[in-house]
Amino acid sequence: MPRLENSVFVDAPVGRVFSITNDISRWPTYFDEYKHATVLRITCSGSFTELVFELNNGVTTWRSWRLLNNSSHVVIAERLDPLFPFVFMHLRWNYVEEAGGTRMTWIQDFELDKAFGMPLEKVLENMQNHTRRNQINIKKFIEQLPG
């Protein structure tokens, strides 16, 4: 099973980084590949928040869910529908206080659909570049905010 894991240090408190990066409705502002993001449902229960949402990259729209553990600053997520080009896509985002800021780590475990025509090595390269670019963009965005 392919896995990507990338981390970035953000010079901001963990609660702030967690809150900003999980504001799905603002993802088109943070991440250049999303043209639209719509939160369909928010369910809160104790320390947990479940989000169901749709993302659109200008070509494709898909639905996902996220479960936020607001006390431990861990998020698990999964792409729901349509899954293609994946058989599954599971994500885990960890936020750890470090040196006065936050170490944000994104882990992606997935399997490609056999009908997808791109070689795994190329998919991994694209996803790796995409993830690094997104982490740098969100880091800059958060660090440039006042306060």
Protein backbone atom coordinates (compact mmCIF):
# COMPACT_ATOMS: atom_id res chain seq x y z
CA MET A 1 0.00 0.00 0.00
CA PRO A 2 1.50 3.33 -1.01
CA ARG A 3 2.04 5.90 1.72
CA LEU A 4 3.10 9.53 1.63
CA GLU A 5 4.17 11.36 4.77
CA ASN A 6 5.14 15.03 4.82
CA SER A 7 5.71 17.50 7.64
CA VAL A 8 6.13 21.22 7.89
CA PHE A 9 6.84 23.52 10.83
CA VAL A 10 4.40 26.42 11.18
CA ASP A 11 5.38 29.33 13.41
CA ALA A 12 1.99 29.56 15.12
CA PRO A 13 0.24 27.91 18.09
CA VAL A 14 -1.12 24.41 17.54
CA GLY A 15 -4.74 25.42 18.17
CA ARG A 16 -4.57 28.15 15.55
CA VAL A 17 -2.94 25.91 12.93
CA PHE A 18 -5.49 23.16 13.65
CA SER A 19 -8.44 25.55 13.37
CA ILE A 20 -7.30 27.25 10.16
CA THR A 21 -6.31 24.08 8.31
CA ASN A 22 -9.64 22.42 9.11
CA ASP A 23 -11.78 25.32 7.93
CA ILE A 24 -12.85 23.46 4.79
CA SER A 25 -14.93 26.32 3.39
CA ARG A 26 -11.72 28.38 3.09
CA TRP A 27 -9.60 25.69 1.41
CA PRO A 28 -9.87 27.41 -2.01
CA THR A 29 -8.09 30.36 -0.36
CA TYR A 30 -5.32 28.20 1.13
CA PHE A 31 -4.81 25.60 -1.58
CA ASP A 32 -4.45 26.47 -5.25
CA GLU A 33 -6.02 23.29 -6.64
CA TYR A 34 -9.46 23.68 -5.04
CA LYS A 35 -11.92 25.88 -6.91
CA HIS A 36 -14.89 25.16 -4.63
CA ALA A 37 -15.32 23.65 -1.17
CA THR A 38 -18.73 23.10 0.36
CA VAL A 39 -19.34 21.81 3.86
CA LEU A 40 -22.43 19.60 3.72
CA ARG A 41 -22.69 18.55 7.36
CA ILE A 42 -21.03 19.33 10.69
CA THR A 43 -21.67 17.07 13.68
CA CYS A 44 -20.10 17.89 17.06
CA SER A 45 -19.89 15.46 19.97
CA GLY A 46 -17.65 16.23 22.92
CA SER A 47 -14.08 16.65 21.69
CA PHE A 48 -14.93 15.45 18.19
CA THR A 49 -16.21 17.20 15.09
CA GLU A 50 -17.24 15.29 11.98
CA LEU A 51 -17.31 17.14 8.67
CA VAL A 52 -18.78 15.91 5.41
CA PHE A 53 -17.86 18.09 2.45
CA GLU A 54 -17.40 18.35 -1.30
CA LEU A 55 -14.32 19.59 -3.10
CA ASN A 56 -13.97 20.63 -6.71
CA ASN A 57 -10.69 21.14 -8.56
CA GLY A 58 -12.25 22.73 -11.64
CA VAL A 59 -12.63 19.35 -13.36
CA THR A 60 -13.85 16.84 -10.78
CA THR A 61 -16.05 17.04 -7.69
CA TRP A 62 -15.78 14.51 -4.88
CA ARG A 63 -17.14 14.02 -1.37
CA SER A 64 -15.03 13.33 1.71
CA TRP A 65 -15.38 13.21 5.48
CA ARG A 66 -13.06 14.30 8.30
CA LEU A 67 -13.13 13.48 11.98
CA LEU A 68 -11.39 16.12 14.06
CA ASN A 69 -10.18 15.27 17.55
CA ASN A 70 -10.19 18.81 18.90
CA SER A 71 -8.37 17.92 22.13
CA SER A 72 -5.47 15.85 20.73
CA HIS A 73 -5.24 17.80 17.43
CA VAL A 74 -5.45 14.74 15.20
CA VAL A 75 -7.61 14.42 12.10
CA ILE A 76 -8.55 11.31 10.16
CA ALA A 77 -10.22 11.62 6.78
CA GLU A 78 -11.36 9.56 3.86
CA ARG A 79 -12.40 10.21 0.30
CA LEU A 80 -15.92 8.85 -0.21
CA ASP A 81 -17.42 9.36 -3.63
CA PRO A 82 -16.33 9.07 -6.31
CA LEU A 83 -13.27 7.14 -5.23
CA PHE A 84 -11.70 6.91 -8.69
CA PRO A 85 -8.77 7.10 -9.36
CA PHE A 86 -8.42 5.41 -5.97
CA VAL A 87 -9.75 2.22 -4.46
CA PHE A 88 -9.37 4.03 -1.15
CA MET A 89 -7.73 7.21 0.15
CA HIS A 90 -7.21 7.55 3.89
CA LEU A 91 -5.57 10.57 5.47
CA ARG A 92 -4.26 11.44 8.90
CA TRP A 93 -3.15 14.93 9.90
CA ASN A 94 -1.22 15.29 13.16
CA TYR A 95 -0.48 18.60 14.85
CA VAL A 96 2.21 18.68 17.54
CA GLU A 97 3.41 21.66 19.54
CA GLU A 98 7.13 22.09 18.84
CA ALA A 99 9.61 24.88 19.61
CA GLY A 100 6.91 27.50 20.10
CA GLY A 101 5.07 26.52 16.93
CA THR A 102 3.41 23.52 15.34
CA ARG A 103 4.76 20.49 13.50
CA MET A 104 2.02 19.54 11.06
CA THR A 105 2.30 16.07 9.50
CA TRP A 106 0.07 14.74 6.74
CA ILE A 107 -0.05 11.00 6.06
CA GLN A 108 -1.83 9.58 3.02
CA ASP A 109 -2.46 5.86 2.60
CA PHE A 110 -4.12 4.85 -0.65
CA GLU A 111 -4.53 2.29 -3.36
CA LEU A 112 -4.94 3.19 -7.02
CA ASP A 113 -7.73 1.74 -9.11
CA LYS A 114 -6.28 -0.73 -11.63
CA ALA A 115 -8.18 1.10 -14.39
CA PHE A 116 -6.24 4.31 -13.74
CA GLY A 117 -3.70 4.67 -16.52
CA MET A 118 -0.87 6.50 -14.74
CA PRO A 119 2.04 4.48 -13.27
CA LEU A 120 2.22 4.46 -9.47
CA GLU A 121 5.67 6.11 -9.50
CA LYS A 122 4.27 9.10 -11.41
CA VAL A 123 1.22 9.33 -9.11
CA LEU A 124 3.52 9.29 -6.07
CA GLU A 125 5.70 12.00 -7.57
CA ASN A 126 2.67 14.19 -8.38
CA MET A 127 1.10 13.66 -4.96
CA GLN A 128 4.39 14.33 -3.18
CA ASN A 129 4.89 17.61 -5.07
CA HIS A 130 1.27 18.57 -4.52
CA THR A 131 1.43 17.88 -0.76
CA ARG A 132 4.68 19.78 -0.27
CA ARG A 133 3.31 22.76 -2.22
CA ASN A 134 0.11 22.74 -0.14
CA GLN A 135 2.03 22.59 3.13
CA ILE A 136 4.26 25.49 2.11
CA ASN A 137 1.21 27.52 0.99
CA ILE A 138 -0.71 26.96 4.23
CA LYS A 139 2.43 27.67 6.29
CA LYS A 140 2.89 31.03 4.52
CA PHE A 141 -0.80 31.85 4.81
CA ILE A 142 -0.91 31.19 8.57
CA GLU A 143 2.38 32.88 9.36
CA GLN A 144 1.35 36.05 7.48
CA LEU A 145 -1.91 36.44 9.41
CA PRO A 146 -1.92 39.20 12.02
CA GLY A 147 -1.81 38.19 15.67
